[in-house]
């Protein structure tokens, strides 16, 4: 890691924090307070990249000498974006929509250094195929996790084997941050694992 450059995760997500820690990066956490867009007219890839950029911009405005990572993850099926459910009823509706089908997890990643005027962004897409489960089995799965703070009302890293049949693409993307591309992007700013 460059000695004179701070690296900030602009997210309060414990999953993103854990992934960066596991990869041995040194960083601080400053959750973004940017308001996310919810625009059904935008395609989901553009929407995740826009929201990742908005999050990075908000934190970079407060810390202009630091490199800021903003990220936004959405689950999409049939062209519809599934964010975080409002309540348990909506969580069950979401997971029933995914039941026995293949959907996409999309994460927009944005790295921004305000004072250097540099910005890189990318959207990673992973296909996730769910097992076919009964309504009771889906409810039992929700009893194992907190589905309300997770896009699509599920967590791959928390008892994912109960619901996930197969993933094609980046596994860490499904968890919340596609580490393969994120590490490549960080290297562009001379940020490397410790």
N, C-alpha and C. Protein backbone atom coordinates (compact mmCIF):
# COMPACT_ATOMS: atom_id res chain seq x y z
N UNK A 1 0.85 -1.19 0.00
CA UNK A 1 0.00 0.00 0.00
C UNK A 1 0.88 1.24 0.00
N UNK A 2 0.47 2.20 -0.78
CA UNK A 2 1.19 3.47 -0.82
C UNK A 2 1.21 4.10 0.58
N UNK A 3 2.36 4.53 1.02
CA UNK A 3 2.51 5.02 2.38
C UNK A 3 1.76 6.32 2.65
N UNK A 4 1.56 7.14 1.62
CA UNK A 4 0.96 8.45 1.87
C UNK A 4 -0.50 8.54 1.41
N UNK A 5 -1.11 7.42 1.14
CA UNK A 5 -2.48 7.46 0.65
C UNK A 5 -3.40 6.65 1.56
N UNK A 6 -4.41 7.30 2.08
CA UNK A 6 -5.40 6.61 2.90
C UNK A 6 -6.40 5.90 1.99
N UNK A 7 -6.90 4.78 2.45
CA UNK A 7 -7.90 4.01 1.73
C UNK A 7 -9.12 3.86 2.64
N UNK A 8 -10.27 4.31 2.14
CA UNK A 8 -11.50 4.32 2.94
C UNK A 8 -12.56 3.46 2.26
N UNK A 9 -13.18 2.58 3.05
CA UNK A 9 -14.36 1.86 2.60
C UNK A 9 -15.57 2.73 2.94
N UNK A 10 -16.26 3.20 1.91
CA UNK A 10 -17.39 4.09 2.11
C UNK A 10 -18.69 3.32 2.30
N UNK A 11 -18.64 2.32 3.17
CA UNK A 11 -19.79 1.44 3.39
C UNK A 11 -19.75 0.90 4.80
N UNK A 12 -20.93 0.74 5.38
CA UNK A 12 -21.01 0.13 6.70
C UNK A 12 -21.26 -1.37 6.64
N UNK A 13 -21.20 -1.95 5.44
CA UNK A 13 -21.48 -3.38 5.27
C UNK A 13 -20.44 -4.25 5.96
N UNK A 14 -20.85 -5.07 6.91
CA UNK A 14 -19.89 -5.97 7.54
C UNK A 14 -19.33 -6.99 6.57
N UNK A 15 -20.09 -7.34 5.53
CA UNK A 15 -19.60 -8.31 4.54
C UNK A 15 -18.46 -7.71 3.71
N UNK A 16 -18.60 -6.46 3.30
CA UNK A 16 -17.52 -5.81 2.54
C UNK A 16 -16.28 -5.62 3.41
N UNK A 17 -16.50 -5.21 4.65
CA UNK A 17 -15.38 -5.07 5.60
C UNK A 17 -14.64 -6.40 5.74
N UNK A 18 -15.38 -7.49 5.94
CA UNK A 18 -14.76 -8.80 6.14
C UNK A 18 -13.97 -9.25 4.89
N UNK A 19 -14.52 -9.01 3.72
CA UNK A 19 -13.83 -9.41 2.48
C UNK A 19 -12.51 -8.66 2.32
N UNK A 20 -12.51 -7.35 2.61
CA UNK A 20 -11.28 -6.57 2.51
C UNK A 20 -10.28 -6.99 3.59
N UNK A 21 -10.78 -7.29 4.79
CA UNK A 21 -9.89 -7.77 5.86
C UNK A 21 -9.26 -9.11 5.50
N UNK A 22 -10.07 -10.03 4.96
CA UNK A 22 -9.57 -11.35 4.57
C UNK A 22 -8.49 -11.23 3.50
N UNK A 23 -8.60 -10.20 2.65
CA UNK A 23 -7.60 -9.99 1.59
C UNK A 23 -6.40 -9.18 2.10
N UNK A 24 -6.40 -8.84 3.40
CA UNK A 24 -5.27 -8.16 4.06
C UNK A 24 -5.05 -6.72 3.61
N UNK A 25 -6.14 -6.01 3.33
CA UNK A 25 -6.01 -4.58 3.03
C UNK A 25 -6.08 -3.78 4.33
N UNK A 26 -5.38 -2.63 4.34
CA UNK A 26 -5.48 -1.68 5.44
C UNK A 26 -6.40 -0.55 5.00
N UNK A 27 -7.44 -0.31 5.79
CA UNK A 27 -8.43 0.69 5.41
C UNK A 27 -9.18 1.16 6.65
N UNK A 28 -9.84 2.29 6.49
CA UNK A 28 -10.75 2.76 7.53
C UNK A 28 -12.15 2.73 6.95
N UNK A 29 -13.14 2.87 7.82
CA UNK A 29 -14.53 2.79 7.39
C UNK A 29 -15.23 4.12 7.68
N UNK A 30 -15.82 4.67 6.65
CA UNK A 30 -16.62 5.89 6.76
C UNK A 30 -17.88 5.66 5.93
N UNK A 31 -18.95 5.13 6.55
CA UNK A 31 -20.15 4.83 5.77
C UNK A 31 -20.70 6.07 5.04
N UNK A 32 -21.06 5.87 3.81
CA UNK A 32 -21.62 6.96 3.02
C UNK A 32 -23.04 7.27 3.48
N UNK A 33 -23.37 8.54 3.45
CA UNK A 33 -24.74 8.97 3.77
C UNK A 33 -25.50 9.37 2.50
N UNK A 34 -24.93 9.06 1.35
CA UNK A 34 -25.59 9.41 0.08
C UNK A 34 -26.92 8.67 -0.04
N UNK A 35 -27.89 9.35 -0.61
CA UNK A 35 -29.19 8.73 -0.85
C UNK A 35 -29.12 7.93 -2.15
N UNK A 36 -29.50 6.66 -2.09
CA UNK A 36 -29.46 5.80 -3.27
C UNK A 36 -30.60 6.14 -4.22
N UNK A 37 -30.31 6.01 -5.51
CA UNK A 37 -31.36 6.14 -6.52
C UNK A 37 -32.15 4.84 -6.59
N UNK A 38 -33.44 4.97 -6.84
CA UNK A 38 -34.31 3.81 -7.08
C UNK A 38 -35.12 4.15 -8.33
N UNK A 39 -34.47 4.00 -9.49
CA UNK A 39 -35.08 4.43 -10.75
C UNK A 39 -35.33 3.20 -11.63
N UNK A 40 -36.60 2.80 -11.74
CA UNK A 40 -36.95 1.59 -12.50
C UNK A 40 -36.71 1.76 -14.00
N UNK A 41 -36.48 2.99 -14.45
CA UNK A 41 -36.21 3.21 -15.87
C UNK A 41 -34.76 2.90 -16.24
N UNK A 42 -33.87 2.88 -15.23
CA UNK A 42 -32.46 2.58 -15.48
C UNK A 42 -32.24 1.07 -15.48
N UNK A 43 -31.32 0.58 -16.35
CA UNK A 43 -31.00 -0.83 -16.24
C UNK A 43 -30.19 -1.04 -14.96
N UNK A 44 -30.24 -2.25 -14.45
CA UNK A 44 -29.71 -2.53 -13.11
C UNK A 44 -28.20 -2.31 -13.05
N UNK A 45 -27.48 -2.65 -14.11
CA UNK A 45 -26.03 -2.43 -14.11
C UNK A 45 -25.70 -0.95 -13.96
N UNK A 46 -26.40 -0.10 -14.73
CA UNK A 46 -26.17 1.35 -14.62
C UNK A 46 -26.57 1.87 -13.24
N UNK A 47 -27.66 1.32 -12.71
CA UNK A 47 -28.14 1.76 -11.40
C UNK A 47 -27.13 1.44 -10.30
N UNK A 48 -26.56 0.24 -10.31
CA UNK A 48 -25.59 -0.11 -9.27
C UNK A 48 -24.33 0.75 -9.40
N UNK A 49 -23.89 1.00 -10.63
CA UNK A 49 -22.70 1.83 -10.81
C UNK A 49 -22.96 3.28 -10.40
N UNK A 50 -24.15 3.78 -10.72
CA UNK A 50 -24.50 5.14 -10.32
C UNK A 50 -24.54 5.27 -8.81
N UNK A 51 -25.17 4.31 -8.14
CA UNK A 51 -25.25 4.37 -6.68
C UNK A 51 -23.88 4.20 -6.03
N UNK A 52 -23.04 3.34 -6.59
CA UNK A 52 -21.68 3.19 -6.07
C UNK A 52 -20.92 4.51 -6.19
N UNK A 53 -21.10 5.19 -7.31
CA UNK A 53 -20.43 6.47 -7.53
C UNK A 53 -20.95 7.54 -6.57
N UNK A 54 -22.28 7.59 -6.38
CA UNK A 54 -22.86 8.56 -5.44
C UNK A 54 -22.31 8.34 -4.03
N UNK A 55 -22.19 7.09 -3.63
CA UNK A 55 -21.67 6.78 -2.29
C UNK A 55 -20.20 7.20 -2.18
N UNK A 56 -19.41 6.88 -3.20
CA UNK A 56 -17.99 7.26 -3.18
C UNK A 56 -17.83 8.78 -3.18
N UNK A 57 -18.64 9.48 -3.98
CA UNK A 57 -18.55 10.95 -4.06
C UNK A 57 -18.81 11.59 -2.72
N UNK A 58 -19.82 11.10 -2.02
CA UNK A 58 -20.20 11.70 -0.73
C UNK A 58 -19.05 11.59 0.27
N UNK A 59 -18.42 10.43 0.32
CA UNK A 59 -17.30 10.23 1.27
C UNK A 59 -16.06 10.97 0.78
N UNK A 60 -15.81 10.95 -0.53
CA UNK A 60 -14.63 11.63 -1.08
C UNK A 60 -14.71 13.15 -0.85
N UNK A 61 -15.91 13.69 -0.82
CA UNK A 61 -16.06 15.13 -0.54
C UNK A 61 -15.59 15.45 0.88
N UNK A 62 -15.76 14.51 1.80
CA UNK A 62 -15.33 14.70 3.19
C UNK A 62 -13.85 14.37 3.37
N UNK A 63 -13.32 13.48 2.54
CA UNK A 63 -11.92 13.04 2.65
C UNK A 63 -11.26 13.11 1.27
N UNK A 64 -10.99 14.36 0.79
CA UNK A 64 -10.53 14.52 -0.59
C UNK A 64 -9.13 13.98 -0.87
N UNK A 65 -8.33 13.73 0.18
CA UNK A 65 -6.98 13.19 -0.03
C UNK A 65 -6.93 11.67 0.03
N UNK A 66 -8.08 11.03 0.23
CA UNK A 66 -8.11 9.57 0.38
C UNK A 66 -8.71 8.91 -0.85
N UNK A 67 -8.37 7.64 -1.03
CA UNK A 67 -9.03 6.82 -2.03
C UNK A 67 -10.26 6.20 -1.37
N UNK A 68 -11.42 6.39 -1.98
CA UNK A 68 -12.68 5.92 -1.40
C UNK A 68 -13.28 4.83 -2.29
N UNK A 69 -13.72 3.76 -1.65
CA UNK A 69 -14.41 2.69 -2.35
C UNK A 69 -15.90 2.77 -2.01
N UNK A 70 -16.72 2.95 -3.04
CA UNK A 70 -18.17 2.89 -2.90
C UNK A 70 -18.67 1.66 -3.64
N UNK A 71 -19.70 1.02 -3.10
CA UNK A 71 -20.25 -0.18 -3.75
C UNK A 71 -21.75 -0.25 -3.54
N UNK A 72 -22.42 -0.88 -4.50
CA UNK A 72 -23.86 -1.06 -4.40
C UNK A 72 -24.22 -2.40 -5.05
N UNK A 73 -24.96 -3.22 -4.31
CA UNK A 73 -25.33 -4.55 -4.80
C UNK A 73 -26.84 -4.66 -4.93
N UNK A 74 -27.28 -5.18 -6.06
CA UNK A 74 -28.70 -5.48 -6.27
C UNK A 74 -28.84 -6.88 -6.84
N UNK A 75 -29.94 -7.51 -6.51
CA UNK A 75 -30.33 -8.79 -7.10
C UNK A 75 -31.34 -8.47 -8.18
N UNK A 76 -31.25 -9.14 -9.33
CA UNK A 76 -32.19 -8.86 -10.41
C UNK A 76 -32.70 -10.16 -11.01
N UNK A 77 -34.00 -10.14 -11.30
CA UNK A 77 -34.63 -11.28 -11.97
C UNK A 77 -35.75 -10.73 -12.85
N UNK A 78 -35.85 -11.26 -14.05
CA UNK A 78 -36.85 -10.79 -15.01
C UNK A 78 -36.76 -9.29 -15.24
N UNK A 79 -35.54 -8.75 -15.20
CA UNK A 79 -35.33 -7.32 -15.43
C UNK A 79 -35.72 -6.43 -14.27
N UNK A 80 -36.12 -7.03 -13.16
CA UNK A 80 -36.56 -6.28 -11.97
C UNK A 80 -35.48 -6.33 -10.90
N UNK A 81 -35.17 -5.18 -10.33
CA UNK A 81 -34.17 -5.12 -9.25
C UNK A 81 -34.84 -5.40 -7.92
N UNK A 82 -34.19 -6.25 -7.13
CA UNK A 82 -34.66 -6.54 -5.78
C UNK A 82 -33.64 -5.98 -4.80
N UNK A 83 -34.05 -4.99 -4.06
CA UNK A 83 -33.17 -4.41 -3.04
C UNK A 83 -33.37 -5.12 -1.72
N UNK A 84 -33.24 -4.38 -0.64
CA UNK A 84 -33.45 -4.94 0.69
C UNK A 84 -34.95 -4.91 1.01
N UNK A 85 -35.50 -6.00 1.52
CA UNK A 85 -36.93 -6.01 1.82
C UNK A 85 -37.28 -5.11 3.00
N UNK A 86 -38.50 -4.59 2.98
CA UNK A 86 -38.96 -3.69 4.04
C UNK A 86 -39.37 -4.45 5.30
N UNK A 87 -39.85 -5.68 5.11
CA UNK A 87 -40.31 -6.47 6.24
C UNK A 87 -40.24 -7.96 5.89
N UNK A 88 -40.59 -8.81 6.86
CA UNK A 88 -40.49 -10.27 6.65
C UNK A 88 -41.43 -10.75 5.54
N UNK A 89 -42.59 -10.13 5.42
CA UNK A 89 -43.53 -10.53 4.37
C UNK A 89 -42.92 -10.28 2.99
N UNK A 90 -42.34 -9.09 2.80
CA UNK A 90 -41.71 -8.78 1.52
C UNK A 90 -40.48 -9.66 1.29
N UNK A 91 -39.77 -9.98 2.36
CA UNK A 91 -38.60 -10.86 2.24
C UNK A 91 -39.01 -12.23 1.71
N UNK A 92 -40.12 -12.76 2.23
CA UNK A 92 -40.59 -14.06 1.77
C UNK A 92 -41.05 -13.99 0.31
N UNK A 93 -41.72 -12.90 -0.06
CA UNK A 93 -42.15 -12.72 -1.45
C UNK A 93 -40.94 -12.70 -2.39
N UNK A 94 -39.87 -11.99 -1.97
CA UNK A 94 -38.66 -11.90 -2.79
C UNK A 94 -38.04 -13.27 -3.00
N UNK A 95 -37.85 -14.00 -1.90
CA UNK A 95 -37.14 -15.28 -2.01
C UNK A 95 -37.99 -16.31 -2.75
N UNK A 96 -39.33 -16.17 -2.66
CA UNK A 96 -40.20 -17.06 -3.45
C UNK A 96 -40.06 -16.76 -4.94
N UNK A 97 -39.84 -15.50 -5.27
CA UNK A 97 -39.65 -15.13 -6.67
C UNK A 97 -38.36 -15.74 -7.24
N UNK A 98 -37.35 -15.93 -6.38
CA UNK A 98 -36.07 -16.49 -6.80
C UNK A 98 -36.05 -18.01 -6.74
N UNK A 99 -36.98 -18.59 -6.01
CA UNK A 99 -37.02 -20.02 -5.74
C UNK A 99 -37.01 -20.87 -7.02
N UNK A 100 -36.03 -21.78 -7.11
CA UNK A 100 -35.96 -22.69 -8.24
C UNK A 100 -35.55 -22.06 -9.55
N UNK A 101 -35.04 -20.84 -9.51
CA UNK A 101 -34.69 -20.11 -10.73
C UNK A 101 -33.26 -19.57 -10.66
N UNK A 102 -32.79 -19.08 -11.79
CA UNK A 102 -31.48 -18.43 -11.86
C UNK A 102 -31.69 -16.93 -11.95
N UNK A 103 -30.95 -16.20 -11.11
CA UNK A 103 -31.03 -14.74 -11.12
C UNK A 103 -29.61 -14.19 -11.17
N UNK A 104 -29.50 -12.87 -11.24
CA UNK A 104 -28.19 -12.23 -11.30
C UNK A 104 -27.99 -11.36 -10.06
N UNK A 105 -26.76 -11.39 -9.57
CA UNK A 105 -26.33 -10.45 -8.54
C UNK A 105 -25.38 -9.47 -9.21
N UNK A 106 -25.69 -8.19 -9.09
CA UNK A 106 -24.87 -7.15 -9.72
C UNK A 106 -24.34 -6.20 -8.65
N UNK A 107 -23.04 -5.99 -8.68
CA UNK A 107 -22.42 -5.05 -7.76
C UNK A 107 -21.66 -4.00 -8.55
N UNK A 108 -22.05 -2.75 -8.34
CA UNK A 108 -21.30 -1.63 -8.88
C UNK A 108 -20.20 -1.29 -7.89
N UNK A 109 -18.98 -1.12 -8.40
CA UNK A 109 -17.83 -0.75 -7.57
C UNK A 109 -17.27 0.56 -8.13
N UNK A 110 -17.03 1.53 -7.25
CA UNK A 110 -16.44 2.79 -7.68
C UNK A 110 -15.29 3.15 -6.76
N UNK A 111 -14.13 3.42 -7.34
CA UNK A 111 -12.98 3.94 -6.60
C UNK A 111 -12.78 5.38 -7.03
N UNK A 112 -12.71 6.28 -6.04
CA UNK A 112 -12.61 7.70 -6.34
C UNK A 112 -11.58 8.38 -5.43
N UNK A 113 -10.72 9.18 -6.06
CA UNK A 113 -9.78 10.03 -5.31
C UNK A 113 -10.05 11.45 -5.78
N UNK A 114 -10.72 12.22 -4.93
CA UNK A 114 -11.20 13.55 -5.33
C UNK A 114 -10.05 14.48 -5.74
N UNK A 115 -9.03 14.60 -4.90
CA UNK A 115 -7.96 15.56 -5.20
C UNK A 115 -7.12 15.17 -6.41
N UNK A 116 -7.03 13.87 -6.68
CA UNK A 116 -6.31 13.41 -7.88
C UNK A 116 -7.18 13.45 -9.13
N UNK A 117 -8.50 13.63 -8.92
CA UNK A 117 -9.41 13.67 -10.06
C UNK A 117 -9.57 12.34 -10.76
N UNK A 118 -9.27 11.25 -10.05
CA UNK A 118 -9.35 9.92 -10.67
C UNK A 118 -10.55 9.15 -10.15
N UNK A 119 -11.17 8.42 -11.08
CA UNK A 119 -12.32 7.60 -10.73
C UNK A 119 -12.36 6.37 -11.64
N UNK A 120 -12.51 5.21 -11.04
CA UNK A 120 -12.69 3.96 -11.80
C UNK A 120 -13.98 3.32 -11.33
N UNK A 121 -14.73 2.75 -12.27
CA UNK A 121 -15.94 2.04 -11.86
C UNK A 121 -16.14 0.80 -12.71
N UNK A 122 -16.89 -0.14 -12.15
CA UNK A 122 -17.11 -1.43 -12.80
C UNK A 122 -18.39 -2.02 -12.22
N UNK A 123 -19.08 -2.82 -13.02
CA UNK A 123 -20.22 -3.60 -12.52
C UNK A 123 -19.93 -5.08 -12.77
N UNK A 124 -19.95 -5.86 -11.71
CA UNK A 124 -19.73 -7.31 -11.79
C UNK A 124 -21.08 -8.02 -11.75
N UNK A 125 -21.24 -9.04 -12.61
CA UNK A 125 -22.48 -9.80 -12.68
C UNK A 125 -22.19 -11.28 -12.42
N UNK A 126 -22.93 -11.87 -11.49
CA UNK A 126 -22.80 -13.30 -11.17
C UNK A 126 -24.17 -13.94 -11.27
N UNK A 127 -24.23 -15.10 -11.94
CA UNK A 127 -25.48 -15.87 -12.01
C UNK A 127 -25.58 -16.77 -10.78
N UNK A 128 -26.74 -16.77 -10.15
CA UNK A 128 -26.99 -17.59 -8.97
C UNK A 128 -28.25 -18.42 -9.21
N UNK A 129 -28.11 -19.74 -9.11
CA UNK A 129 -29.26 -20.64 -9.28
C UNK A 129 -29.70 -21.16 -7.92
N UNK A 130 -30.98 -21.00 -7.64
CA UNK A 130 -31.55 -21.46 -6.37
C UNK A 130 -32.11 -22.87 -6.51
N UNK A 131 -32.05 -23.61 -5.42
CA UNK A 131 -32.77 -24.88 -5.32
C UNK A 131 -34.27 -24.58 -5.31
N UNK A 132 -35.08 -25.62 -5.56
CA UNK A 132 -36.52 -25.48 -5.43
C UNK A 132 -36.91 -25.95 -4.04
N UNK A 133 -37.42 -25.03 -3.23
CA UNK A 133 -37.77 -25.32 -1.84
C UNK A 133 -39.24 -25.00 -1.58
N UNK A 134 -39.79 -25.63 -0.57
CA UNK A 134 -41.17 -25.34 -0.18
C UNK A 134 -41.22 -23.99 0.55
N UNK A 135 -42.42 -23.45 0.68
CA UNK A 135 -42.60 -22.19 1.41
C UNK A 135 -42.08 -22.34 2.84
N UNK A 136 -42.35 -23.48 3.47
CA UNK A 136 -41.89 -23.70 4.84
C UNK A 136 -40.37 -23.73 4.91
N UNK A 137 -39.73 -24.36 3.92
CA UNK A 137 -38.26 -24.41 3.89
C UNK A 137 -37.67 -23.01 3.71
N UNK A 138 -38.33 -22.19 2.91
CA UNK A 138 -37.87 -20.81 2.73
C UNK A 138 -38.03 -20.01 4.03
N UNK A 139 -39.15 -20.21 4.72
CA UNK A 139 -39.36 -19.54 6.01
C UNK A 139 -38.33 -20.01 7.04
N UNK A 140 -38.03 -21.31 7.01
CA UNK A 140 -37.02 -21.85 7.93
C UNK A 140 -35.65 -21.22 7.64
N UNK A 141 -35.35 -21.01 6.36
CA UNK A 141 -34.08 -20.35 6.00
C UNK A 141 -34.05 -18.93 6.56
N UNK A 142 -35.15 -18.20 6.42
CA UNK A 142 -35.20 -16.83 6.95
C UNK A 142 -35.08 -16.80 8.47
N UNK A 143 -35.45 -17.88 9.12
CA UNK A 143 -35.26 -17.95 10.58
C UNK A 143 -33.78 -18.07 10.95
N UNK A 144 -32.96 -18.51 10.01
CA UNK A 144 -31.52 -18.68 10.25
C UNK A 144 -30.73 -17.38 10.08
N UNK A 145 -31.28 -16.43 9.32
CA UNK A 145 -30.56 -15.19 8.98
C UNK A 145 -31.45 -13.98 9.27
N UNK A 146 -30.90 -12.78 9.08
CA UNK A 146 -31.71 -11.56 9.07
C UNK A 146 -31.86 -11.14 7.61
N UNK A 147 -33.00 -11.46 6.98
CA UNK A 147 -33.13 -11.15 5.55
C UNK A 147 -33.36 -9.68 5.25
N UNK A 148 -33.61 -8.87 6.27
CA UNK A 148 -34.02 -7.47 6.03
C UNK A 148 -32.88 -6.55 5.63
N UNK A 149 -31.62 -6.95 5.88
CA UNK A 149 -30.51 -6.06 5.49
C UNK A 149 -29.74 -6.63 4.29
N UNK A 150 -30.42 -7.47 3.50
CA UNK A 150 -29.75 -8.12 2.38
C UNK A 150 -30.56 -7.99 1.10
N UNK A 151 -29.91 -7.55 0.03
CA UNK A 151 -30.57 -7.47 -1.27
C UNK A 151 -31.05 -8.86 -1.67
N UNK A 152 -32.31 -8.94 -2.07
CA UNK A 152 -32.87 -10.23 -2.47
C UNK A 152 -33.30 -11.09 -1.30
N UNK A 153 -33.11 -10.62 -0.08
CA UNK A 153 -33.56 -11.30 1.15
C UNK A 153 -32.83 -12.62 1.41
N UNK A 154 -31.56 -12.70 0.98
CA UNK A 154 -30.78 -13.88 1.32
C UNK A 154 -29.31 -13.50 1.43
N UNK A 155 -28.54 -14.40 2.04
CA UNK A 155 -27.11 -14.17 2.21
C UNK A 155 -26.35 -15.43 1.82
N UNK A 156 -25.54 -15.32 0.77
CA UNK A 156 -24.78 -16.49 0.31
C UNK A 156 -23.85 -17.01 1.38
N UNK A 157 -23.30 -16.10 2.19
CA UNK A 157 -22.30 -16.49 3.19
C UNK A 157 -22.93 -16.98 4.49
N UNK A 158 -24.24 -16.87 4.61
CA UNK A 158 -24.94 -17.32 5.81
C UNK A 158 -25.92 -18.42 5.42
N UNK A 159 -25.50 -19.67 5.59
CA UNK A 159 -26.34 -20.83 5.27
C UNK A 159 -26.78 -20.83 3.81
N UNK A 160 -25.94 -20.28 2.93
CA UNK A 160 -26.26 -20.23 1.51
C UNK A 160 -26.47 -21.61 0.90
N UNK A 161 -25.81 -22.61 1.49
CA UNK A 161 -25.92 -23.98 0.96
C UNK A 161 -27.37 -24.49 1.06
N UNK A 162 -28.18 -23.89 1.93
CA UNK A 162 -29.57 -24.30 2.07
C UNK A 162 -30.38 -23.94 0.82
N UNK A 163 -30.05 -22.81 0.20
CA UNK A 163 -30.87 -22.30 -0.90
C UNK A 163 -30.17 -22.28 -2.25
N UNK A 164 -28.84 -22.18 -2.25
CA UNK A 164 -28.11 -22.01 -3.52
C UNK A 164 -27.68 -23.36 -4.09
N UNK A 165 -28.06 -23.56 -5.34
CA UNK A 165 -27.66 -24.77 -6.04
C UNK A 165 -26.32 -24.57 -6.74
N UNK A 166 -26.12 -23.38 -7.34
CA UNK A 166 -24.91 -23.15 -8.12
C UNK A 166 -24.70 -21.65 -8.34
N UNK A 167 -23.43 -21.23 -8.41
CA UNK A 167 -23.11 -19.86 -8.83
C UNK A 167 -22.16 -19.94 -10.02
N UNK A 168 -22.32 -18.99 -10.93
CA UNK A 168 -21.43 -18.89 -12.09
C UNK A 168 -20.88 -17.47 -12.11
N UNK A 169 -19.58 -17.35 -11.84
CA UNK A 169 -18.96 -16.04 -11.76
C UNK A 169 -18.35 -15.84 -10.38
N UNK A 170 -18.18 -14.59 -10.01
CA UNK A 170 -17.50 -14.24 -8.76
C UNK A 170 -18.38 -14.58 -7.54
N UNK A 171 -17.88 -15.48 -6.68
CA UNK A 171 -18.57 -15.81 -5.44
C UNK A 171 -18.59 -14.61 -4.49
N UNK A 172 -17.47 -13.88 -4.40
CA UNK A 172 -17.42 -12.76 -3.48
C UNK A 172 -18.38 -11.64 -3.90
N UNK A 173 -18.71 -11.58 -5.19
CA UNK A 173 -19.71 -10.63 -5.65
C UNK A 173 -21.06 -10.92 -4.99
N UNK A 174 -21.40 -12.20 -4.88
CA UNK A 174 -22.67 -12.60 -4.27
C UNK A 174 -22.66 -12.25 -2.78
N UNK A 175 -21.48 -12.30 -2.17
CA UNK A 175 -21.34 -11.93 -0.75
C UNK A 175 -21.47 -10.41 -0.57
N UNK A 176 -21.02 -9.62 -1.56
CA UNK A 176 -21.18 -8.18 -1.45
C UNK A 176 -20.11 -7.31 -2.07
N UNK A 177 -18.98 -7.92 -2.49
CA UNK A 177 -17.92 -7.13 -3.14
C UNK A 177 -17.08 -8.06 -4.00
N UNK A 178 -17.09 -7.86 -5.33
CA UNK A 178 -16.32 -8.74 -6.20
C UNK A 178 -14.81 -8.49 -6.04
N UNK A 179 -14.17 -9.32 -5.23
CA UNK A 179 -12.79 -9.05 -4.84
C UNK A 179 -11.80 -9.15 -6.00
N UNK A 180 -12.07 -10.02 -6.97
CA UNK A 180 -11.13 -10.19 -8.08
C UNK A 180 -10.94 -8.85 -8.81
N UNK A 181 -12.05 -8.24 -9.21
CA UNK A 181 -11.96 -6.98 -9.95
C UNK A 181 -11.59 -5.83 -9.02
N UNK A 182 -12.05 -5.89 -7.77
CA UNK A 182 -11.72 -4.83 -6.81
C UNK A 182 -10.22 -4.76 -6.57
N UNK A 183 -9.57 -5.91 -6.44
CA UNK A 183 -8.12 -5.93 -6.23
C UNK A 183 -7.38 -5.36 -7.44
N UNK A 184 -7.86 -5.67 -8.63
CA UNK A 184 -7.24 -5.13 -9.85
C UNK A 184 -7.40 -3.62 -9.90
N UNK A 185 -8.59 -3.13 -9.54
CA UNK A 185 -8.84 -1.69 -9.53
C UNK A 185 -8.00 -0.98 -8.48
N UNK A 186 -7.89 -1.58 -7.28
CA UNK A 186 -7.08 -0.97 -6.21
C UNK A 186 -5.62 -0.86 -6.63
N UNK A 187 -5.13 -1.86 -7.35
CA UNK A 187 -3.73 -1.84 -7.81
C UNK A 187 -3.48 -0.66 -8.75
N UNK A 188 -4.51 -0.22 -9.46
CA UNK A 188 -4.39 0.94 -10.34
C UNK A 188 -4.08 2.21 -9.54
N UNK A 189 -4.46 2.19 -8.26
CA UNK A 189 -4.18 3.32 -7.36
C UNK A 189 -3.02 3.02 -6.42
N UNK A 190 -2.26 1.98 -6.74
CA UNK A 190 -1.12 1.54 -5.92
C UNK A 190 -1.52 1.16 -4.49
N UNK A 191 -2.72 0.58 -4.36
CA UNK A 191 -3.18 0.04 -3.09
C UNK A 191 -3.10 -1.48 -3.19
N UNK A 192 -2.28 -2.06 -2.30
CA UNK A 192 -2.05 -3.51 -2.32
C UNK A 192 -2.27 -4.08 -0.92
N UNK A 193 -2.53 -5.39 -0.84
CA UNK A 193 -2.65 -6.00 0.49
C UNK A 193 -1.39 -5.77 1.32
N UNK A 194 -1.55 -5.69 2.62
CA UNK A 194 -0.41 -5.47 3.53
C UNK A 194 0.44 -6.72 3.61
